[in-house]
Amino acid sequence: MRILTAALCALTLLATGAQAQTLKDFLATVMQKWTAPFEPFQLIGNIYYVGTEGIAVYVIKTSQGLILMDTAMPQSTGTIKDSITKLGFKVADIKIILNSHAHIDHTGGFAEIKKETGAQLVAGERDKPLLEGGYYPGDEKNEDLAFAPVKVDRVVKEGDKVTLGDTALIAHATPGHSPGCTSWEMTVKDADQSREVLFFCSGTVALNRLVGQPTYPGIVDDYRATYAKVKAMKIDVLLGPHPEVYGMQAKRAQMKEGAPNPFVKPGELATYASGLSEEFDKQLARQTAALEKK
């Protein structure tokens, strides 16, 4: 049941697939995709994809070890470690673990990997209690959304920098999807050019309550501020917590040696954020209407 409930967090998938399937079939399809292995690959510069078919996980290679960005569902931890090894890296070389947001489908392997490697876990300040409590905000007693609690070694706010060797990432507070939702920006080398990359946390409503008893106070204002912020950012490469956010599989299929990297797509973030904002307004209107009927 925990797995099926967590699958509801994929709001983008729900919006496009649920009408054509029964809920049971839809959830089964989502979970199959979320846990299916995907061949790891070098995405751009020193960024590598080590996630599953439906949940994005990244490894960033630096001169002093590896940075791991998120994990996936708890049962996929072994798959992620296998993918890291398949690329020729060592799991033991993970020195820093970064979190985008504290939901089970992106934190499921933190406790295990942190214990195994001794890596430092870094997360948004407002998500620290969620990670250390292993719960979903506003639904703390829901075991279906619980995950193994894990100690946060460092919290970050807007503009804080995390550095390992020759690589630095800048934290951007983009709350809404979770209170401490954090997007991470870094610069990579793409042939002879520098590219700005953003690991966008998320901006979907998913299981969040926006009205009545909201998931957390100020959530509506947080979402709107996040959309405005990311629309204004100048980013060359959009990455995200789920592959469908940036069309990973289609772009991966287009990759050819000597050809331009298809993941370089300036303007994609602003377009994506505009779509999220429009969907948010619809969700807010639906939840408001439902509350007024009670």
Protein backbone atom coordinates (compact mmCIF):
# COMPACT_ATOMS: atom_id res chain seq x y z
CA MET A 1 0.00 0.00 0.00
CA ARG A 2 2.90 2.35 0.77
CA ILE A 3 4.18 2.01 -2.78
CA LEU A 4 0.78 2.57 -4.35
CA THR A 5 0.04 5.65 -2.27
CA ALA A 6 3.44 7.15 -3.03
CA ALA A 7 2.77 6.72 -6.73
CA LEU A 8 0.11 9.41 -6.46
CA CYS A 9 2.92 11.95 -6.12
CA ALA A 10 3.49 11.75 -9.87
CA LEU A 11 0.97 14.45 -10.67
CA THR A 12 2.21 14.94 -14.19
CA LEU A 13 1.55 11.29 -14.95
CA LEU A 14 -1.82 11.40 -13.26
CA ALA A 15 -2.89 14.31 -15.43
CA THR A 16 -2.05 12.49 -18.66
CA GLY A 17 -2.80 8.85 -17.95
CA ALA A 18 -5.42 8.39 -15.28
CA GLN A 19 -8.44 9.10 -17.48
CA ALA A 20 -7.64 6.19 -19.78
CA GLN A 21 -7.00 3.64 -17.05
CA THR A 22 -8.56 2.43 -13.85
CA LEU A 23 -6.78 3.75 -10.78
CA LYS A 24 -5.51 0.27 -9.93
CA ASP A 25 -4.04 -0.29 -13.37
CA PHE A 26 -2.58 3.19 -13.43
CA LEU A 27 -0.82 2.78 -10.10
CA ALA A 28 0.55 -0.59 -11.15
CA THR A 29 1.91 0.96 -14.34
CA VAL A 30 3.49 3.87 -12.48
CA MET A 31 5.19 1.64 -9.92
CA GLN A 32 6.52 -0.66 -12.61
CA LYS A 33 8.07 2.36 -14.31
CA TRP A 34 9.32 3.89 -11.08
CA THR A 35 11.24 0.76 -10.13
CA ALA A 36 12.35 -0.48 -13.57
CA PRO A 37 16.14 -0.27 -14.10
CA PHE A 38 17.43 2.19 -16.70
CA GLU A 39 20.85 2.01 -18.34
CA PRO A 40 23.08 4.62 -16.64
CA PHE A 41 24.76 7.17 -18.88
CA GLN A 42 26.79 10.38 -18.98
CA LEU A 43 24.18 13.10 -19.33
CA ILE A 44 26.35 16.19 -19.77
CA GLY A 45 29.77 17.20 -18.46
CA ASN A 46 30.40 15.51 -15.12
CA ILE A 47 26.71 14.68 -14.54
CA TYR A 48 25.56 11.07 -14.87
CA TYR A 49 22.08 9.54 -14.75
CA VAL A 50 21.81 6.56 -12.37
CA GLY A 51 18.08 6.55 -11.72
CA THR A 52 15.29 4.22 -12.72
CA GLU A 53 12.99 4.47 -15.70
CA GLY A 54 10.61 6.69 -13.75
CA ILE A 55 12.59 8.36 -10.95
CA ALA A 56 15.66 10.47 -11.62
CA VAL A 57 18.85 10.06 -9.60
CA TYR A 58 22.14 11.68 -10.52
CA VAL A 59 25.82 11.27 -9.74
CA ILE A 60 28.17 14.21 -10.13
CA LYS A 61 31.85 13.34 -10.52
CA THR A 62 34.31 15.71 -8.87
CA SER A 63 38.06 15.76 -8.31
CA GLN A 64 37.52 14.64 -4.70
CA GLY A 65 34.78 12.06 -5.00
CA LEU A 66 31.12 11.78 -5.92
CA ILE A 67 28.01 13.82 -5.16
CA LEU A 68 24.74 11.86 -5.20
CA MET A 69 21.56 13.79 -6.02
CA ASP A 70 18.50 12.07 -4.49
CA THR A 71 17.67 8.37 -4.47
CA ALA A 72 14.46 6.61 -5.45
CA MET A 73 11.97 4.24 -3.80
CA PRO A 74 13.50 2.15 -1.00
CA GLN A 75 13.46 -1.04 -3.06
CA SER A 76 15.51 0.62 -5.82
CA THR A 77 18.56 1.39 -3.69
CA GLY A 78 20.36 -1.71 -4.94
CA THR A 79 19.61 -0.75 -8.53
CA ILE A 80 21.07 2.72 -8.01
CA LYS A 81 24.24 1.33 -6.46
CA ASP A 82 24.57 -1.14 -9.35
CA SER A 83 24.23 1.72 -11.85
CA ILE A 84 26.94 3.71 -10.10
CA THR A 85 29.26 0.71 -10.24
CA LYS A 86 28.39 0.05 -13.88
CA LEU A 87 29.69 3.51 -14.79
CA GLY A 88 33.04 2.62 -13.26
CA PHE A 89 32.50 4.59 -10.04
CA LYS A 90 32.59 3.34 -6.46
CA VAL A 91 29.66 3.78 -4.12
CA ALA A 92 32.22 4.24 -1.34
CA ASP A 93 33.41 7.41 -3.09
CA ILE A 94 30.11 9.22 -2.45
CA LYS A 95 31.08 12.10 -0.18
CA ILE A 96 27.97 14.29 -0.33
CA ILE A 97 24.29 13.43 -0.75
CA LEU A 98 22.02 16.26 -1.88
CA ASN A 99 18.25 16.19 -1.55
CA SER A 100 15.72 17.96 -3.72
CA HIS A 101 12.72 17.28 -1.47
CA ALA A 102 11.73 14.98 1.37
CA HIS A 103 9.29 12.56 -0.26
CA ILE A 104 9.64 8.78 -0.15
CA ASP A 105 10.24 8.45 -3.91
CA HIS A 106 13.37 10.62 -3.64
CA THR A 107 14.64 9.72 -0.16
CA GLY A 108 14.08 5.97 -0.03
CA GLY A 109 17.76 5.03 -0.11
CA PHE A 110 19.28 7.85 1.93
CA ALA A 111 19.60 5.98 5.24
CA GLU A 112 21.22 2.92 3.66
CA ILE A 113 23.65 4.80 1.43
CA LYS A 114 24.58 7.27 4.17
CA LYS A 115 25.31 4.42 6.57
CA GLU A 116 27.37 2.59 3.97
CA THR A 117 29.43 5.56 2.79
CA GLY A 118 29.49 8.01 5.69
CA ALA A 119 28.53 10.73 3.20
CA GLN A 120 27.29 14.12 4.37
CA LEU A 121 23.56 14.68 3.74
CA VAL A 122 22.64 18.21 2.69
CA ALA A 123 19.03 19.41 2.37
CA GLY A 124 16.82 22.48 2.46
CA GLU A 125 16.43 23.86 5.98
CA ARG A 126 12.65 23.45 6.10
CA ASP A 127 12.82 19.80 5.02
CA LYS A 128 15.18 18.77 7.84
CA PRO A 129 12.40 17.73 10.27
CA LEU A 130 10.73 15.70 7.52
CA LEU A 131 13.92 13.81 6.68
CA GLU A 132 14.84 13.19 10.29
CA GLY A 133 11.27 12.15 11.12
CA GLY A 134 10.70 10.12 7.96
CA TYR A 135 7.24 11.55 7.27
CA TYR A 136 5.15 13.50 4.77
CA PRO A 137 4.34 17.07 5.93
CA GLY A 138 0.80 17.52 7.17
CA ASP A 139 0.31 13.73 7.18
CA GLU A 140 2.88 12.71 9.76
CA LYS A 141 1.13 9.53 10.88
CA ASN A 142 0.52 8.12 7.40
CA GLU A 143 2.70 5.01 7.29
CA ASP A 144 2.02 4.67 3.57
CA LEU A 145 4.20 7.72 2.93
CA ALA A 146 6.82 7.07 5.60
CA PHE A 147 10.49 6.37 4.89
CA ALA A 148 13.56 5.52 6.96
CA PRO A 149 14.54 8.60 9.00
CA VAL A 150 17.99 9.96 8.24
CA LYS A 151 20.19 12.56 9.94
CA VAL A 152 20.72 15.80 8.02
CA ASP A 153 24.32 17.00 8.40
CA ARG A 154 23.90 20.42 6.83
CA VAL A 155 20.92 22.59 5.95
CA VAL A 156 20.97 25.19 3.20
CA LYS A 157 19.07 28.36 2.37
CA GLU A 158 18.80 30.46 -0.78
CA GLY A 159 22.22 31.08 -2.33
CA ASP A 160 24.21 28.70 -0.13
CA LYS A 161 27.00 26.86 -1.93
CA VAL A 162 28.01 23.21 -1.62
CA THR A 163 31.50 22.44 -2.90
CA LEU A 164 33.43 19.22 -3.40
CA GLY A 165 36.78 19.41 -5.16
CA ASP A 166 36.41 21.24 -8.45
CA THR A 167 32.61 21.30 -8.41
CA ALA A 168 30.19 23.70 -6.73
CA LEU A 169 26.40 23.76 -6.60
CA ILE A 170 24.23 26.68 -5.54
CA ALA A 171 21.06 26.03 -3.55
CA HIS A 172 17.85 27.77 -4.60
CA ALA A 173 14.87 27.67 -2.25
CA THR A 174 11.86 26.63 -4.37
CA PRO A 175 9.23 25.64 -1.79
CA GLY A 176 5.71 24.44 -2.43
CA HIS A 177 6.02 20.79 -3.39
CA SER A 178 7.66 20.46 0.03
CA PRO A 179 8.45 23.25 2.50
CA GLY A 180 12.20 22.86 2.01
CA CYS A 181 12.11 21.99 -1.68
CA THR A 182 15.56 22.92 -3.01
CA SER A 183 16.71 23.27 -6.62
CA TRP A 184 20.41 22.98 -7.32
CA GLU A 185 22.33 24.98 -9.94
CA MET A 186 25.77 24.21 -11.31
CA THR A 187 27.96 24.96 -14.32
CA VAL A 188 29.26 22.19 -16.57
CA LYS A 189 31.54 22.01 -19.57
CA ASP A 190 29.84 20.98 -22.80
CA ALA A 191 32.55 20.64 -25.42
CA ASP A 192 34.14 24.10 -25.40
CA GLN A 193 31.18 25.89 -23.79
CA SER A 194 29.92 26.40 -20.26
CA ARG A 195 26.32 25.46 -19.55
CA GLU A 196 24.11 26.34 -16.61
CA VAL A 197 22.28 23.31 -15.26
CA LEU A 198 19.36 23.32 -12.84
CA PHE A 199 18.21 20.24 -10.94
CA PHE A 200 14.68 21.56 -10.44
CA CYS A 201 13.13 20.27 -7.21
CA SER A 202 9.50 20.03 -8.35
CA GLY A 203 6.48 22.26 -8.73
CA THR A 204 3.52 19.90 -8.91
CA VAL A 205 0.69 19.92 -6.37
CA ALA A 206 0.69 16.12 -6.05
CA LEU A 207 -0.77 15.09 -2.66
CA ASN A 208 -0.60 18.57 -1.18
CA ARG A 209 -3.64 20.29 0.30
CA LEU A 210 -3.79 23.95 -0.70
CA VAL A 211 -6.91 25.08 1.18
CA GLY A 212 -8.84 24.27 4.35
CA GLN A 213 -6.12 22.57 6.34
CA PRO A 214 -3.17 23.05 3.99
CA THR A 215 -0.24 20.68 3.98
CA TYR A 216 1.74 23.46 5.64
CA PRO A 217 1.10 27.17 6.32
CA GLY A 218 1.89 29.51 3.43
CA ILE A 219 1.98 26.78 0.81
CA VAL A 220 0.04 28.74 -1.83
CA ASP A 221 2.33 31.75 -1.60
CA ASP A 222 5.35 29.45 -1.71
CA TYR A 223 4.23 27.81 -4.94
CA ARG A 224 3.58 31.14 -6.64
CA ALA A 225 6.92 32.58 -5.54
CA THR A 226 8.69 29.48 -6.86
CA TYR A 227 7.07 29.71 -10.28
CA ALA A 228 8.04 33.37 -10.57
CA LYS A 229 11.60 32.66 -9.48
CA VAL A 230 12.32 29.82 -11.88
CA LYS A 231 10.68 31.54 -14.84
CA ALA A 232 13.27 34.30 -14.48
CA MET A 233 16.28 31.97 -14.25
CA LYS A 234 18.68 31.69 -17.19
CA ILE A 235 19.25 27.96 -17.51
CA ASP A 236 20.62 25.94 -20.41
CA VAL A 237 19.86 22.45 -19.10
CA LEU A 238 16.72 21.53 -17.15
CA LEU A 239 16.86 18.36 -15.08
CA GLY A 240 14.31 17.18 -12.55
CA PRO A 241 13.23 14.49 -10.07
CA HIS A 242 11.29 12.51 -12.67
CA PRO A 243 12.48 11.89 -16.26
CA GLU A 244 9.25 13.14 -17.82
CA VAL A 245 9.94 16.62 -16.41
CA TYR A 246 12.52 17.17 -19.15
CA GLY A 247 11.85 14.40 -21.66
CA MET A 248 14.89 12.40 -20.60
CA GLN A 249 14.29 9.27 -22.63
CA ALA A 250 13.62 11.06 -25.91
CA LYS A 251 16.71 13.23 -25.46
CA ARG A 252 18.81 10.23 -24.47
CA ALA A 253 17.82 8.51 -27.71
CA GLN A 254 18.99 11.57 -29.66
CA MET A 255 22.49 11.60 -28.19
CA LYS A 256 25.19 11.02 -30.80
CA GLU A 257 28.93 11.47 -30.60
CA GLY A 258 29.98 14.74 -32.21
CA ALA A 259 26.42 16.09 -32.28
CA PRO A 260 25.05 18.86 -30.03
CA ASN A 261 23.87 17.60 -26.66
CA PRO A 262 20.04 17.40 -26.82
CA PHE A 263 19.76 18.16 -23.10
CA VAL A 264 20.91 21.70 -23.82
CA LYS A 265 17.65 23.56 -24.33
CA PRO A 266 17.59 27.18 -23.12
CA GLY A 267 14.08 28.39 -22.33
CA GLU A 268 12.76 24.95 -21.44
CA LEU A 269 12.63 25.76 -17.73
CA ALA A 270 10.49 28.87 -18.23
CA THR A 271 8.08 26.99 -20.47
CA TYR A 272 7.82 24.14 -18.00
CA ALA A 273 7.27 26.52 -15.07
CA SER A 274 4.50 28.32 -16.94
CA GLY A 275 2.71 25.02 -17.45
CA LEU A 276 3.10 24.16 -13.78
CA SER A 277 1.68 27.53 -12.78
CA GLU A 278 -1.37 27.05 -14.98
CA GLU A 279 -1.98 23.56 -13.59
CA PHE A 280 -1.55 24.89 -10.05
CA ASP A 281 -4.30 27.46 -10.59
CA LYS A 282 -6.61 24.70 -11.80
CA GLN A 283 -5.80 22.51 -8.79
CA LEU A 284 -6.35 25.42 -6.42
CA ALA A 285 -9.73 26.17 -8.00
CA ARG A 286 -10.76 22.49 -7.76
CA GLN A 287 -9.75 22.20 -4.12
CA THR A 288 -11.45 25.49 -3.26
CA ALA A 289 -14.68 24.41 -4.98
CA ALA A 290 -14.61 21.04 -3.21
CA LEU A 291 -14.11 22.72 0.15
CA GLU A 292 -17.03 25.10 -0.44
CA LYS A 293 -19.34 22.17 -1.16
CA LYS A 294 -18.73 20.65 2.27
